[in-house]
Amino acid sequence: MSRDETSGRPGGIRPARERRTWQGAVCGADAGSIVLYDDGRLERDAFTSGLSMRGGPGVAAALDDAAALFALDLELVPWWCPGCAASYCGAHWSHWPVFDDEGFLDCIRGCCPHGHERMLED
């Protein structure tokens, strides 16, 4: 039986403190989700990628507000369009990779259904 290093619980299961899922404004499909764990880590799942990081002090307080999360770190909510004040699923964002001069991935940019362009991931 394995034990999770952060919680000591059997099976490597970390207790999730909170989970939020956003639905797309156009179709209602899941646009993305964030899970905040008791140990302060968060996992974000979105159409751009998965992200695991340490959540800062403002994340828990902002967890119900995509605009507030965007203000903390744009990568937390790549589904959020600040121009529309709405969330969209991956099917409704046009998104593309941007490469640097050496051919390495620099960021992912996107355009919402209403033409607002922004960086989705850095």
PDB file of N, CA and C in Angstrom:
ATOM      1  N   MET A   1       0.854  -1.162   0.000  1.00  0.00           N
ATOM      2  CA  MET A   1       0.000   0.000   0.000  1.00  0.00           C
ATOM      3  C   MET A   1       0.905   1.232   0.000  1.00  0.00           C
ATOM      4  N   SER A   2       0.667   2.150  -0.983  1.00  0.00           N
ATOM      5  CA  SER A   2       1.479   3.365  -1.034  1.00  0.00           C
ATOM      6  C   SER A   2       0.852   4.452  -0.166  1.00  0.00           C
ATOM      7  N   ARG A   3       1.696   5.368   0.235  1.00  0.00           N
ATOM      8  CA  ARG A   3       1.197   6.509   1.013  1.00  0.00           C
ATOM      9  C   ARG A   3       1.569   7.789   0.284  1.00  0.00           C
ATOM     10  N   ASP A   4       0.645   8.701   0.239  1.00  0.00           N
ATOM     11  CA  ASP A   4       0.890   9.998  -0.353  1.00  0.00           C
ATOM     12  C   ASP A   4       1.827  10.779   0.570  1.00  0.00           C
ATOM     13  N   GLU A   5       2.866  11.384   0.008  1.00  0.00           N
ATOM     14  CA  GLU A   5       3.844  12.082   0.828  1.00  0.00           C
ATOM     15  C   GLU A   5       3.263  13.320   1.492  1.00  0.00           C
ATOM     16  N   THR A   6       2.259  13.935   0.884  1.00  0.00           N
ATOM     17  CA  THR A   6       1.730  15.166   1.459  1.00  0.00           C
ATOM     18  C   THR A   6       0.671  14.904   2.510  1.00  0.00           C
ATOM     19  N   SER A   7      -0.097  13.838   2.353  1.00  0.00           N
ATOM     20  CA  SER A   7      -1.181  13.620   3.311  1.00  0.00           C
ATOM     21  C   SER A   7      -0.972  12.405   4.199  1.00  0.00           C
ATOM     22  N   GLY A   8      -0.114  11.476   3.769  1.00  0.00           N
ATOM     23  CA  GLY A   8       0.080  10.263   4.522  1.00  0.00           C
ATOM     24  C   GLY A   8      -1.086   9.298   4.405  1.00  0.00           C
ATOM     25  N   ARG A   9      -2.012   9.581   3.531  1.00  0.00           N
ATOM     26  CA  ARG A   9      -3.179   8.714   3.375  1.00  0.00           C
ATOM     27  C   ARG A   9      -2.854   7.519   2.488  1.00  0.00           C
ATOM     28  N   PRO A  10      -3.474   6.379   2.734  1.00  0.00           N
ATOM     29  CA  PRO A  10      -3.241   5.202   1.896  1.00  0.00           C
ATOM     30  C   PRO A  10      -3.656   5.468   0.454  1.00  0.00           C
ATOM     31  N   GLY A  11      -2.900   4.859  -0.468  1.00  0.00           N
ATOM     32  CA  GLY A  11      -3.268   4.915  -1.882  1.00  0.00           C
ATOM     33  C   GLY A  11      -2.888   6.198  -2.589  1.00  0.00           C
ATOM     34  N   GLY A  12      -2.173   7.096  -1.921  1.00  0.00           N
ATOM     35  CA  GLY A  12      -1.737   8.313  -2.576  1.00  0.00           C
ATOM     36  C   GLY A  12      -2.849   9.310  -2.842  1.00  0.00           C
ATOM     37  N   ILE A  13      -3.949   9.208  -2.142  1.00  0.00           N
ATOM     38  CA  ILE A  13      -5.072  10.110  -2.366  1.00  0.00           C
ATOM     39  C   ILE A  13      -4.889  11.362  -1.517  1.00  0.00           C
ATOM     40  N   ARG A  14      -4.870  12.513  -2.187  1.00  0.00           N
ATOM     41  CA  ARG A  14      -4.803  13.781  -1.466  1.00  0.00           C
ATOM     42  C   ARG A  14      -6.221  14.300  -1.308  1.00  0.00           C
ATOM     43  N   PRO A  15      -6.579  14.772  -0.142  1.00  0.00           N
ATOM     44  CA  PRO A  15      -7.929  15.291   0.044  1.00  0.00           C
ATOM     45  C   PRO A  15      -8.103  16.635  -0.666  1.00  0.00           C
ATOM     46  N   ALA A  16      -9.101  16.718  -1.509  1.00  0.00           N
ATOM     47  CA  ALA A  16      -9.395  17.969  -2.189  1.00  0.00           C
ATOM     48  C   ALA A  16     -10.204  18.851  -1.261  1.00  0.00           C
ATOM     49  N   ARG A  17      -9.748  20.066  -1.089  1.00  0.00           N
ATOM     50  CA  ARG A  17     -10.484  21.014  -0.265  1.00  0.00           C
ATOM     51  C   ARG A  17     -11.660  21.572  -1.052  1.00  0.00           C
ATOM     52  N   GLU A  18     -11.389  21.962  -2.325  1.00  0.00           N
ATOM     53  CA  GLU A  18     -12.442  22.538  -3.145  1.00  0.00           C
ATOM     54  C   GLU A  18     -12.199  22.217  -4.607  1.00  0.00           C
ATOM     55  N   ARG A  19     -13.286  22.094  -5.361  1.00  0.00           N
ATOM     56  CA  ARG A  19     -13.213  21.861  -6.799  1.00  0.00           C
ATOM     57  C   ARG A  19     -14.236  22.768  -7.466  1.00  0.00           C
ATOM     58  N   ARG A  20     -13.812  23.412  -8.542  1.00  0.00           N
ATOM     59  CA  ARG A  20     -14.717  24.249  -9.327  1.00  0.00           C
ATOM     60  C   ARG A  20     -14.605  23.877 -10.794  1.00  0.00           C
ATOM     61  N   THR A  21     -15.731  23.830 -11.470  1.00  0.00           N
ATOM     62  CA  THR A  21     -15.776  23.566 -12.902  1.00  0.00           C
ATOM     63  C   THR A  21     -16.583  24.679 -13.557  1.00  0.00           C
ATOM     64  N   TRP A  22     -16.054  25.170 -14.669  1.00  0.00           N
ATOM     65  CA  TRP A  22     -16.741  26.213 -15.429  1.00  0.00           C
ATOM     66  C   TRP A  22     -17.291  25.615 -16.715  1.00  0.00           C
ATOM     67  N   GLN A  23     -18.483  26.049 -17.097  1.00  0.00           N
ATOM     68  CA  GLN A  23     -19.103  25.611 -18.342  1.00  0.00           C
ATOM     69  C   GLN A  23     -18.991  26.723 -19.381  1.00  0.00           C
ATOM     70  N   GLY A  24     -18.904  26.307 -20.645  1.00  0.00           N
ATOM     71  CA  GLY A  24     -18.816  27.263 -21.736  1.00  0.00           C
ATOM     72  C   GLY A  24     -20.124  28.009 -21.938  1.00  0.00           C
ATOM     73  N   ALA A  25     -20.025  29.312 -22.209  1.00  0.00           N
ATOM     74  CA  ALA A  25     -21.203  30.161 -22.379  1.00  0.00           C
ATOM     75  C   ALA A  25     -22.004  29.823 -23.634  1.00  0.00           C
ATOM     76  N   VAL A  26     -21.350  29.262 -24.635  1.00  0.00           N
ATOM     77  CA  VAL A  26     -22.044  28.969 -25.896  1.00  0.00           C
ATOM     78  C   VAL A  26     -22.801  27.650 -25.827  1.00  0.00           C
ATOM     79  N   CYS A  27     -22.129  26.601 -25.345  1.00  0.00           N
ATOM     80  CA  CYS A  27     -22.710  25.260 -25.448  1.00  0.00           C
ATOM     81  C   CYS A  27     -22.968  24.571 -24.109  1.00  0.00           C
ATOM     82  N   GLY A  28     -22.426  25.102 -23.027  1.00  0.00           N
ATOM     83  CA  GLY A  28     -22.610  24.480 -21.721  1.00  0.00           C
ATOM     84  C   GLY A  28     -21.654  23.339 -21.433  1.00  0.00           C
ATOM     85  N   ALA A  29     -20.752  23.018 -22.371  1.00  0.00           N
ATOM     86  CA  ALA A  29     -19.763  21.957 -22.141  1.00  0.00           C
ATOM     87  C   ALA A  29     -18.741  22.442 -21.111  1.00  0.00           C
ATOM     88  N   ASP A  30     -18.083  21.500 -20.437  1.00  0.00           N
ATOM     89  CA  ASP A  30     -17.053  21.863 -19.474  1.00  0.00           C
ATOM     90  C   ASP A  30     -15.939  22.637 -20.179  1.00  0.00           C
ATOM     91  N   ALA A  31     -15.639  23.806 -19.655  1.00  0.00           N
ATOM     92  CA  ALA A  31     -14.575  24.635 -20.202  1.00  0.00           C
ATOM     93  C   ALA A  31     -13.260  24.373 -19.469  1.00  0.00           C
ATOM     94  N   GLY A  32     -13.332  24.091 -18.186  1.00  0.00           N
ATOM     95  CA  GLY A  32     -12.146  23.815 -17.403  1.00  0.00           C
ATOM     96  C   GLY A  32     -12.500  23.665 -15.941  1.00  0.00           C
ATOM     97  N   SER A  33     -11.520  23.188 -15.179  1.00  0.00           N
ATOM     98  CA  SER A  33     -11.758  22.984 -13.758  1.00  0.00           C
ATOM     99  C   SER A  33     -10.479  23.222 -12.970  1.00  0.00           C
ATOM    100  N   ILE A  34     -10.678  23.555 -11.703  1.00  0.00           N
ATOM    101  CA  ILE A  34      -9.566  23.730 -10.776  1.00  0.00           C
ATOM    102  C   ILE A  34      -9.893  22.950  -9.505  1.00  0.00           C
ATOM    103  N   VAL A  35      -8.911  22.179  -9.040  1.00  0.00           N
ATOM    104  CA  VAL A  35      -9.023  21.479  -7.768  1.00  0.00           C
ATOM    105  C   VAL A  35      -7.963  22.069  -6.856  1.00  0.00           C
ATOM    106  N   LEU A  36      -8.387  22.507  -5.692  1.00  0.00           N
ATOM    107  CA  LEU A  36      -7.480  23.031  -4.678  1.00  0.00           C
ATOM    108  C   LEU A  36      -7.395  21.992  -3.567  1.00  0.00           C
ATOM    109  N   TYR A  37      -6.162  21.571  -3.241  1.00  0.00           N
ATOM    110  CA  TYR A  37      -5.949  20.540  -2.232  1.00  0.00           C
ATOM    111  C   TYR A  37      -5.609  21.151  -0.877  1.00  0.00           C
ATOM    112  N   ASP A  38      -5.818  20.352   0.157  1.00  0.00           N
ATOM    113  CA  ASP A  38      -5.535  20.784   1.527  1.00  0.00           C
ATOM    114  C   ASP A  38      -4.079  21.210   1.715  1.00  0.00           C
ATOM    115  N   ASP A  39      -3.171  20.627   0.943  1.00  0.00           N
ATOM    116  CA  ASP A  39      -1.752  20.969   1.100  1.00  0.00           C
ATOM    117  C   ASP A  39      -1.364  22.246   0.353  1.00  0.00           C
ATOM    118  N   GLY A  40      -2.333  22.930  -0.264  1.00  0.00           N
ATOM    119  CA  GLY A  40      -2.066  24.190  -0.944  1.00  0.00           C
ATOM    120  C   GLY A  40      -1.787  24.077  -2.424  1.00  0.00           C
ATOM    121  N   ARG A  41      -1.676  22.858  -2.936  1.00  0.00           N
ATOM    122  CA  ARG A  41      -1.444  22.686  -4.370  1.00  0.00           C
ATOM    123  C   ARG A  41      -2.765  22.796  -5.109  1.00  0.00           C
ATOM    124  N   LEU A  42      -2.669  23.152  -6.377  1.00  0.00           N
ATOM    125  CA  LEU A  42      -3.863  23.150  -7.206  1.00  0.00           C
ATOM    126  C   LEU A  42      -3.560  22.450  -8.514  1.00  0.00           C
ATOM    127  N   GLU A  43      -4.585  21.888  -9.092  1.00  0.00           N
ATOM    128  CA  GLU A  43      -4.503  21.275 -10.410  1.00  0.00           C
ATOM    129  C   GLU A  43      -5.586  21.890 -11.266  1.00  0.00           C
ATOM    130  N   ARG A  44      -5.160  22.346 -12.445  1.00  0.00           N
ATOM    131  CA  ARG A  44      -6.081  22.947 -13.384  1.00  0.00           C
ATOM    132  C   ARG A  44      -6.132  22.075 -14.627  1.00  0.00           C
ATOM    133  N   ASP A  45      -7.342  21.786 -15.094  1.00  0.00           N
ATOM    134  CA  ASP A  45      -7.523  21.011 -16.313  1.00  0.00           C
ATOM    135  C   ASP A  45      -8.268  21.887 -17.309  1.00  0.00           C
ATOM    136  N   ALA A  46      -7.721  22.008 -18.510  1.00  0.00           N
ATOM    137  CA  ALA A  46      -8.323  22.856 -19.532  1.00  0.00           C
ATOM    138  C   ALA A  46      -8.014  22.299 -20.912  1.00  0.00           C
ATOM    139  N   PHE A  47      -8.611  22.888 -21.927  1.00  0.00           N
ATOM    140  CA  PHE A  47      -8.389  22.457 -23.303  1.00  0.00           C
ATOM    141  C   PHE A  47      -6.965  22.736 -23.767  1.00  0.00           C
ATOM    142  N   THR A  48      -6.255  23.623 -23.091  1.00  0.00           N
ATOM    143  CA  THR A  48      -4.873  23.923 -23.461  1.00  0.00           C
ATOM    144  C   THR A  48      -3.900  22.901 -22.893  1.00  0.00           C
ATOM    145  N   SER A  49      -4.105  22.496 -21.642  1.00  0.00           N
ATOM    146  CA  SER A  49      -3.235  21.508 -20.985  1.00  0.00           C
ATOM    147  C   SER A  49      -3.687  21.339 -19.544  1.00  0.00           C
ATOM    148  N   GLY A  50      -2.968  20.492 -18.836  1.00  0.00           N
ATOM    149  CA  GLY A  50      -3.136  20.381 -17.396  1.00  0.00           C
ATOM    150  C   GLY A  50      -2.049  21.207 -16.731  1.00  0.00           C
ATOM    151  N   LEU A  51      -2.313  21.688 -15.552  1.00  0.00           N
ATOM    152  CA  LEU A  51      -1.355  22.511 -14.830  1.00  0.00           C
ATOM    153  C   LEU A  51      -1.415  22.120 -13.363  1.00  0.00           C
ATOM    154  N   SER A  52      -0.245  21.939 -12.766  1.00  0.00           N
ATOM    155  CA  SER A  52      -0.160  21.647 -11.337  1.00  0.00           C
ATOM    156  C   SER A  52       0.811  22.643 -10.747  1.00  0.00           C
ATOM    157  N   MET A  53       0.383  23.336  -9.701  1.00  0.00           N
ATOM    158  CA  MET A  53       1.235  24.347  -9.090  1.00  0.00           C
ATOM    159  C   MET A  53       0.814  24.595  -7.659  1.00  0.00           C
ATOM    160  N   ARG A  54       1.615  25.328  -6.942  1.00  0.00           N
ATOM    161  CA  ARG A  54       1.270  25.740  -5.595  1.00  0.00           C
ATOM    162  C   ARG A  54       0.319  26.920  -5.714  1.00  0.00           C
ATOM    163  N   GLY A  55      -0.815  26.838  -5.046  1.00  0.00           N
ATOM    164  CA  GLY A  55      -1.783  27.931  -5.081  1.00  0.00           C
ATOM    165  C   GLY A  55      -1.361  29.032  -4.134  1.00  0.00           C
ATOM    166  N   GLY A  56      -1.415  30.251  -4.592  1.00  0.00           N
ATOM    167  CA  GLY A  56      -1.059  31.387  -3.739  1.00  0.00           C
ATOM    168  C   GLY A  56      -2.176  31.686  -2.744  1.00  0.00           C
ATOM    169  N   PRO A  57      -1.953  32.638  -1.867  1.00  0.00           N
ATOM    170  CA  PRO A  57      -2.945  32.946  -0.827  1.00  0.00           C
ATOM    171  C   PRO A  57      -4.278  33.449  -1.371  1.00  0.00           C
ATOM    172  N   GLY A  58      -4.284  34.055  -2.548  1.00  0.00           N
ATOM    173  CA  GLY A  58      -5.527  34.584  -3.090  1.00  0.00           C
ATOM    174  C   GLY A  58      -6.370  33.581  -3.844  1.00  0.00           C
ATOM    175  N   VAL A  59      -5.800  32.436  -4.176  1.00  0.00           N
ATOM    176  CA  VAL A  59      -6.520  31.473  -5.006  1.00  0.00           C
ATOM    177  C   VAL A  59      -7.763  30.937  -4.305  1.00  0.00           C
ATOM    178  N   ALA A  60      -7.647  30.539  -3.072  1.00  0.00           N
ATOM    179  CA  ALA A  60      -8.808  29.989  -2.360  1.00  0.00           C
ATOM    180  C   ALA A  60      -9.930  31.017  -2.275  1.00  0.00           C
ATOM    181  N   ALA A  61      -9.576  32.260  -2.004  1.00  0.00           N
ATOM    182  CA  ALA A  61     -10.584  33.314  -1.889  1.00  0.00           C
ATOM    183  C   ALA A  61     -11.234  33.625  -3.233  1.00  0.00           C
ATOM    184  N   ALA A  62     -10.495  33.435  -4.324  1.00  0.00           N
ATOM    185  CA  ALA A  62     -10.984  33.782  -5.653  1.00  0.00           C
ATOM    186  C   ALA A  62     -11.577  32.599  -6.406  1.00  0.00           C
ATOM    187  N   LEU A  63     -11.635  31.440  -5.788  1.00  0.00           N
ATOM    188  CA  LEU A  63     -11.987  30.219  -6.506  1.00  0.00           C
ATOM    189  C   LEU A  63     -13.355  30.256  -7.183  1.00  0.00           C
ATOM    190  N   ASP A  64     -14.269  31.047  -6.709  1.00  0.00           N
ATOM    191  CA  ASP A  64     -15.593  31.131  -7.334  1.00  0.00           C
ATOM    192  C   ASP A  64     -15.677  32.197  -8.418  1.00  0.00           C
ATOM    193  N   ASP A  65     -14.591  32.898  -8.687  1.00  0.00           N
ATOM    194  CA  ASP A  65     -14.620  34.057  -9.562  1.00  0.00           C
ATOM    195  C   ASP A  65     -13.520  33.964 -10.621  1.00  0.00           C
ATOM    196  N   ALA A  66     -13.893  33.595 -11.848  1.00  0.00           N
ATOM    197  CA  ALA A  66     -12.910  33.434 -12.924  1.00  0.00           C
ATOM    198  C   ALA A  66     -12.168  34.732 -13.208  1.00  0.00           C
ATOM    199  N   ALA A  67     -12.841  35.866 -13.123  1.00  0.00           N
ATOM    200  CA  ALA A  67     -12.179  37.150 -13.368  1.00  0.00           C
ATOM    201  C   ALA A  67     -11.102  37.414 -12.311  1.00  0.00           C
ATOM    202  N   ALA A  68     -11.388  37.094 -11.067  1.00  0.00           N
ATOM    203  CA  ALA A  68     -10.408  37.280  -9.992  1.00  0.00           C
ATOM    204  C   ALA A  68      -9.230  36.326 -10.166  1.00  0.00           C
ATOM    205  N   LEU A  69      -9.495  35.088 -10.575  1.00  0.00           N
ATOM    206  CA  LEU A  69      -8.415  34.137 -10.834  1.00  0.00           C
ATOM    207  C   LEU A  69      -7.555  34.612 -12.002  1.00  0.00           C
ATOM    208  N   PHE A  70      -8.190  35.139 -13.042  1.00  0.00           N
ATOM    209  CA  PHE A  70      -7.474  35.688 -14.192  1.00  0.00           C
ATOM    210  C   PHE A  70      -6.544  36.821 -13.738  1.00  0.00           C
ATOM    211  N   ALA A  71      -7.021  37.668 -12.838  1.00  0.00           N
ATOM    212  CA  ALA A  71      -6.205  38.772 -12.328  1.00  0.00           C
ATOM    213  C   ALA A  71      -4.996  38.261 -11.545  1.00  0.00           C
ATOM    214  N   LEU A  72      -5.136  37.114 -10.885  1.00  0.00           N
ATOM    215  CA  LEU A  72      -4.014  36.520 -10.148  1.00  0.00           C
ATOM    216  C   LEU A  72      -2.989  35.901 -11.086  1.00  0.00           C
ATOM    217  N   ASP A  73      -3.479  35.173 -12.105  1.00  0.00           N
ATOM    218  CA  ASP A  73      -2.597  34.465 -13.039  1.00  0.00           C
ATOM    219  C   ASP A  73      -3.432  34.018 -14.234  1.00  0.00           C
ATOM    220  N   LEU A  74      -3.170  34.574 -15.402  1.00  0.00           N
ATOM    221  CA  LEU A  74      -3.984  34.258 -16.582  1.00  0.00           C
ATOM    222  C   LEU A  74      -3.995  32.774 -16.932  1.00  0.00           C
ATOM    223  N   GLU A  75      -2.946  32.044 -16.545  1.00  0.00           N
ATOM    224  CA  GLU A  75      -2.893  30.619 -16.866  1.00  0.00           C
ATOM    225  C   GLU A  75      -3.858  29.774 -16.033  1.00  0.00           C
ATOM    226  N   LEU A  76      -4.360  30.324 -14.943  1.00  0.00           N
ATOM    227  CA  LEU A  76      -5.306  29.560 -14.124  1.00  0.00           C
ATOM    228  C   LEU A  76      -6.622  29.320 -14.850  1.00  0.00           C
ATOM    229  N   VAL A  77      -7.024  30.252 -15.694  1.00  0.00           N
ATOM    230  CA  VAL A  77      -8.340  30.175 -16.351  1.00  0.00           C
ATOM    231  C   VAL A  77      -8.232  30.479 -17.849  1.00  0.00           C
ATOM    232  N   PRO A  78      -7.591  29.601 -18.628  1.00  0.00           N
ATOM    233  CA  PRO A  78      -7.460  29.878 -20.061  1.00  0.00           C
ATOM    234  C   PRO A  78      -8.800  29.908 -20.795  1.00  0.00           C
ATOM    235  N   TRP A  79      -9.840  29.390 -20.186  1.00  0.00           N
ATOM    236  CA  TRP A  79     -11.175  29.399 -20.780  1.00  0.00           C
ATOM    237  C   TRP A  79     -11.879  30.747 -20.624  1.00  0.00           C
ATOM    238  N   TRP A  80     -11.339  31.633 -19.786  1.00  0.00           N
ATOM    239  CA  TRP A  80     -11.985  32.909 -19.460  1.00  0.00           C
ATOM    240  C   TRP A  80     -11.613  33.994 -20.472  1.00  0.00           C
ATOM    241  N   CYS A  81     -12.613  34.691 -20.987  1.00  0.00           N
ATOM    242  CA  CYS A  81     -12.372  35.849 -21.836  1.00  0.00           C
ATOM    243  C   CYS A  81     -12.734  37.093 -21.042  1.00  0.00           C
ATOM    244  N   PRO A  82     -11.739  37.916 -20.681  1.00  0.00           N
ATOM    245  CA  PRO A  82     -12.046  39.126 -19.922  1.00  0.00           C
ATOM    246  C   PRO A  82     -12.840  40.144 -20.737  1.00  0.00           C
ATOM    247  N   GLY A  83     -12.700  40.130 -22.059  1.00  0.00           N
ATOM    248  CA  GLY A  83     -13.456  41.049 -22.905  1.00  0.00           C
ATOM    249  C   GLY A  83     -14.944  40.763 -22.905  1.00  0.00           C
ATOM    250  N   CYS A  84     -15.287  39.490 -22.839  1.00  0.00           N
ATOM    251  CA  CYS A  84     -16.690  39.070 -22.802  1.00  0.00           C
ATOM    252  C   CYS A  84     -17.196  38.865 -21.382  1.00  0.00           C
ATOM    253  N   ALA A  85     -16.284  38.726 -20.432  1.00  0.00           N
ATOM    254  CA  ALA A  85     -16.619  38.320 -19.071  1.00  0.00           C
ATOM    255  C   ALA A  85     -17.379  36.999 -19.105  1.00  0.00           C
ATOM    256  N   ALA A  86     -16.818  36.039 -19.883  1.00  0.00           N
ATOM    257  CA  ALA A  86     -17.465  34.735 -20.069  1.00  0.00           C
ATOM    258  C   ALA A  86     -16.416  33.644 -20.251  1.00  0.00           C
ATOM    259  N   SER A  87     -16.834  32.417 -19.964  1.00  0.00           N
ATOM    260  CA  SER A  87     -15.998  31.234 -20.172  1.00  0.00           C
ATOM    261  C   SER A  87     -16.441  30.525 -21.441  1.00  0.00           C
ATOM    262  N   TYR A  88     -15.464  29.938 -22.145  1.00  0.00           N
ATOM    263  CA  TYR A  88     -15.755  29.174 -23.359  1.00  0.00           C
ATOM    264  C   TYR A  88     -14.963  27.879 -23.332  1.00  0.00           C
ATOM    265  N   CYS A  89     -15.551  26.818 -23.837  1.00  0.00           N
ATOM    266  CA  CYS A  89     -14.841  25.540 -23.935  1.00  0.00           C
ATOM    267  C   CYS A  89     -13.862  25.596 -25.102  1.00  0.00           C
ATOM    268  N   GLY A  90     -13.022  24.594 -25.189  1.00  0.00           N
ATOM    269  CA  GLY A  90     -12.006  24.547 -26.232  1.00  0.00           C
ATOM    270  C   GLY A  90     -12.568  24.538 -27.639  1.00  0.00           C
ATOM    271  N   ALA A  91     -13.774  24.023 -27.824  1.00  0.00           N
ATOM    272  CA  ALA A  91     -14.378  23.998 -29.159  1.00  0.00           C
ATOM    273  C   ALA A  91     -14.745  25.399 -29.643  1.00  0.00           C
ATOM    274  N   HIS A  92     -14.864  26.349 -28.722  1.00  0.00           N
ATOM    275  CA  HIS A  92     -15.265  27.690 -29.112  1.00  0.00           C
ATOM    276  C   HIS A  92     -14.147  28.723 -29.041  1.00  0.00           C
ATOM    277  N   TRP A  93     -12.967  28.303 -28.603  1.00  0.00           N
ATOM    278  CA  TRP A  93     -11.777  29.143 -28.706  1.00  0.00           C
ATOM    279  C   TRP A  93     -11.017  28.716 -29.953  1.00  0.00           C
ATOM    280  N   SER A  94     -10.585  29.652 -30.767  1.00  0.00           N
ATOM    281  CA  SER A  94      -9.559  29.360 -31.773  1.00  0.00           C
ATOM    282  C   SER A  94      -8.253  29.526 -31.015  1.00  0.00           C
ATOM    283  N   HIS A  95      -7.399  28.531 -31.040  1.00  0.00           N
ATOM    284  CA  HIS A  95      -6.141  28.663 -30.308  1.00  0.00           C
ATOM    285  C   HIS A  95      -5.004  28.067 -31.112  1.00  0.00           C
ATOM    286  N   TRP A  96      -3.801  28.614 -30.912  1.00  0.00           N
ATOM    287  CA  TRP A  96      -2.652  28.215 -31.706  1.00  0.00           C
ATOM    288  C   TRP A  96      -1.377  28.376 -30.885  1.00  0.00           C
ATOM    289  N   PRO A  97      -0.397  27.525 -31.167  1.00  0.00           N
ATOM    290  CA  PRO A  97       0.892  27.646 -30.483  1.00  0.00           C
ATOM    291  C   PRO A  97       1.723  28.760 -31.127  1.00  0.00           C
ATOM    292  N   VAL A  98       2.533  29.425 -30.310  1.00  0.00           N
ATOM    293  CA  VAL A  98       3.472  30.439 -30.785  1.00  0.00           C
ATOM    294  C   VAL A  98       4.866  29.948 -30.424  1.00  0.00           C
ATOM    295  N   PHE A  99       5.746  29.917 -31.415  1.00  0.00           N
ATOM    296  CA  PHE A  99       7.099  29.407 -31.211  1.00  0.00           C
ATOM    297  C   PHE A  99       8.104  30.552 -31.246  1.00  0.00           C
ATOM    298  N   ASP A 100       9.170  30.426 -30.453  1.00  0.00           N
ATOM    299  CA  ASP A 100      10.218  31.443 -30.476  1.00  0.00           C
ATOM    300  C   ASP A 100      11.126  31.217 -31.680  1.00  0.00           C
ATOM    301  N   ASP A 101      12.135  32.061 -31.823  1.00  0.00           N
ATOM    302  CA  ASP A 101      13.032  32.003 -32.986  1.00  0.00           C
ATOM    303  C   ASP A 101      13.823  30.706 -33.072  1.00  0.00           C
ATOM    304  N   GLU A 102      13.957  30.005 -31.944  1.00  0.00           N
ATOM    305  CA  GLU A 102      14.706  28.747 -31.939  1.00  0.00           C
ATOM    306  C   GLU A 102      13.805  27.537 -32.106  1.00  0.00           C
ATOM    307  N   GLY A 103      12.519  27.760 -32.275  1.00  0.00           N
ATOM    308  CA  GLY A 103      11.588  26.664 -32.503  1.00  0.00           C
ATOM    309  C   GLY A 103      10.946  26.076 -31.259  1.00  0.00           C
ATOM    310  N   PHE A 104      11.192  26.688 -30.099  1.00  0.00           N
ATOM    311  CA  PHE A 104      10.600  26.203 -28.857  1.00  0.00           C
ATOM    312  C   PHE A 104       9.251  26.867 -28.618  1.00  0.00           C
ATOM    313  N   LEU A 105       8.343  26.127 -28.007  1.00  0.00           N
ATOM    314  CA  LEU A 105       7.030  26.676 -27.698  1.00  0.00           C
ATOM    315  C   LEU A 105       7.179  27.847 -26.740  1.00  0.00           C
ATOM    316  N   ASP A 106       6.661  28.992 -27.129  1.00  0.00           N
ATOM    317  CA  ASP A 106       6.730  30.191 -26.307  1.00  0.00           C
ATOM    318  C   ASP A 106       5.449  30.375 -25.508  1.00  0.00           C
ATOM    319  N   CYS A 107       4.302  30.214 -26.168  1.00  0.00           N
ATOM    320  CA  CYS A 107       3.024  30.392 -25.486  1.00  0.00           C
ATOM    321  C   CYS A 107       1.900  29.817 -26.365  1.00  0.00           C
ATOM    322  N   ILE A 108       0.719  29.828 -25.826  1.00  0.00           N
ATOM    323  CA  ILE A 108      -0.485  29.486 -26.584  1.00  0.00           C
ATOM    324  C   ILE A 108      -1.367  30.720 -26.556  1.00  0.00           C
ATOM    325  N   ARG A 109      -1.771  31.167 -27.721  1.00  0.00           N
ATOM    326  CA  ARG A 109      -2.666  32.318 -27.836  1.00  0.00           C
ATOM    327  C   ARG A 109      -4.011  31.824 -28.326  1.00  0.00           C
ATOM    328  N   GLY A 110      -5.027  32.620 -28.106  1.00  0.00           N
ATOM    329  CA  GLY A 110      -6.348  32.223 -28.543  1.00  0.00           C
ATOM    330  C   GLY A 110      -7.243  33.412 -28.815  1.00  0.00           C
ATOM    331  N   CYS A 111      -8.332  33.119 -29.494  1.00  0.00           N
ATOM    332  CA  CYS A 111      -9.331  34.122 -29.840  1.00  0.00           C
ATOM    333  C   CYS A 111     -10.697  33.541 -29.487  1.00  0.00           C
ATOM    334  N   CYS A 112     -11.467  34.271 -28.683  1.00  0.00           N
ATOM    335  CA  CYS A 112     -12.792  33.803 -28.266  1.00  0.00           C
ATOM    336  C   CYS A 112     -13.780  33.918 -29.432  1.00  0.00           C
ATOM    337  N   PRO A 113     -14.986  33.398 -29.295  1.00  0.00           N
ATOM    338  CA  PRO A 113     -15.964  33.462 -30.386  1.00  0.00           C
ATOM    339  C   PRO A 113     -16.337  34.889 -30.817  1.00  0.00           C
ATOM    340  N   HIS A 114     -16.019  35.879 -29.962  1.00  0.00           N
ATOM    341  CA  HIS A 114     -16.360  37.266 -30.296  1.00  0.00           C
ATOM    342  C   HIS A 114     -15.150  38.077 -30.748  1.00  0.00           C
ATOM    343  N   GLY A 115     -14.029  37.374 -31.013  1.00  0.00           N
ATOM    344  CA  GLY A 115     -12.857  38.030 -31.592  1.00  0.00           C
ATOM    345  C   GLY A 115     -11.868  38.632 -30.625  1.00  0.00           C
ATOM    346  N   HIS A 116     -12.030  38.414 -29.337  1.00  0.00           N
ATOM    347  CA  HIS A 116     -11.065  38.919 -28.353  1.00  0.00           C
ATOM    348  C   HIS A 116      -9.871  37.977 -28.299  1.00  0.00           C
ATOM    349  N   GLU A 117      -8.693  38.488 -28.556  1.00  0.00           N
ATOM    350  CA  GLU A 117      -7.483  37.673 -28.542  1.00  0.00           C
ATOM    351  C   GLU A 117      -6.728  37.886 -27.246  1.00  0.00           C
ATOM    352  N   ARG A 118      -6.135  36.795 -26.746  1.00  0.00           N
ATOM    353  CA  ARG A 118      -5.289  36.890 -25.551  1.00  0.00           C
ATOM    354  C   ARG A 118      -4.344  35.709 -25.466  1.00  0.00           C
ATOM    355  N   MET A 119      -3.335  35.839 -24.596  1.00  0.00           N
ATOM    356  CA  MET A 119      -2.471  34.704 -24.284  1.00  0.00           C
ATOM    357  C   MET A 119      -3.259  33.775 -23.351  1.00  0.00           C
ATOM    358  N   LEU A 120      -3.261  32.489 -23.686  1.00  0.00           N
ATOM    359  CA  LEU A 120      -3.959  31.507 -22.863  1.00  0.00           C
ATOM    360  C   LEU A 120      -2.998  30.810 -21.911  1.00  0.00           C
ATOM    361  N   GLU A 121      -1.787  30.559 -22.382  1.00  0.00           N
ATOM    362  CA  GLU A 121      -0.730  29.943 -21.556  1.00  0.00           C
ATOM    363  C   GLU A 121       0.589  30.513 -21.952  1.00  0.00           C
ATOM    364  N   ASP A 122       1.440  30.708 -20.963  1.00  0.00           N
ATOM    365  CA  ASP A 122       2.774  31.248 -21.200  1.00  0.00           C
ATOM    366  C   ASP A 122       3.793  30.144 -21.066  1.00  0.00           C
TER     367      ASP A 122
END
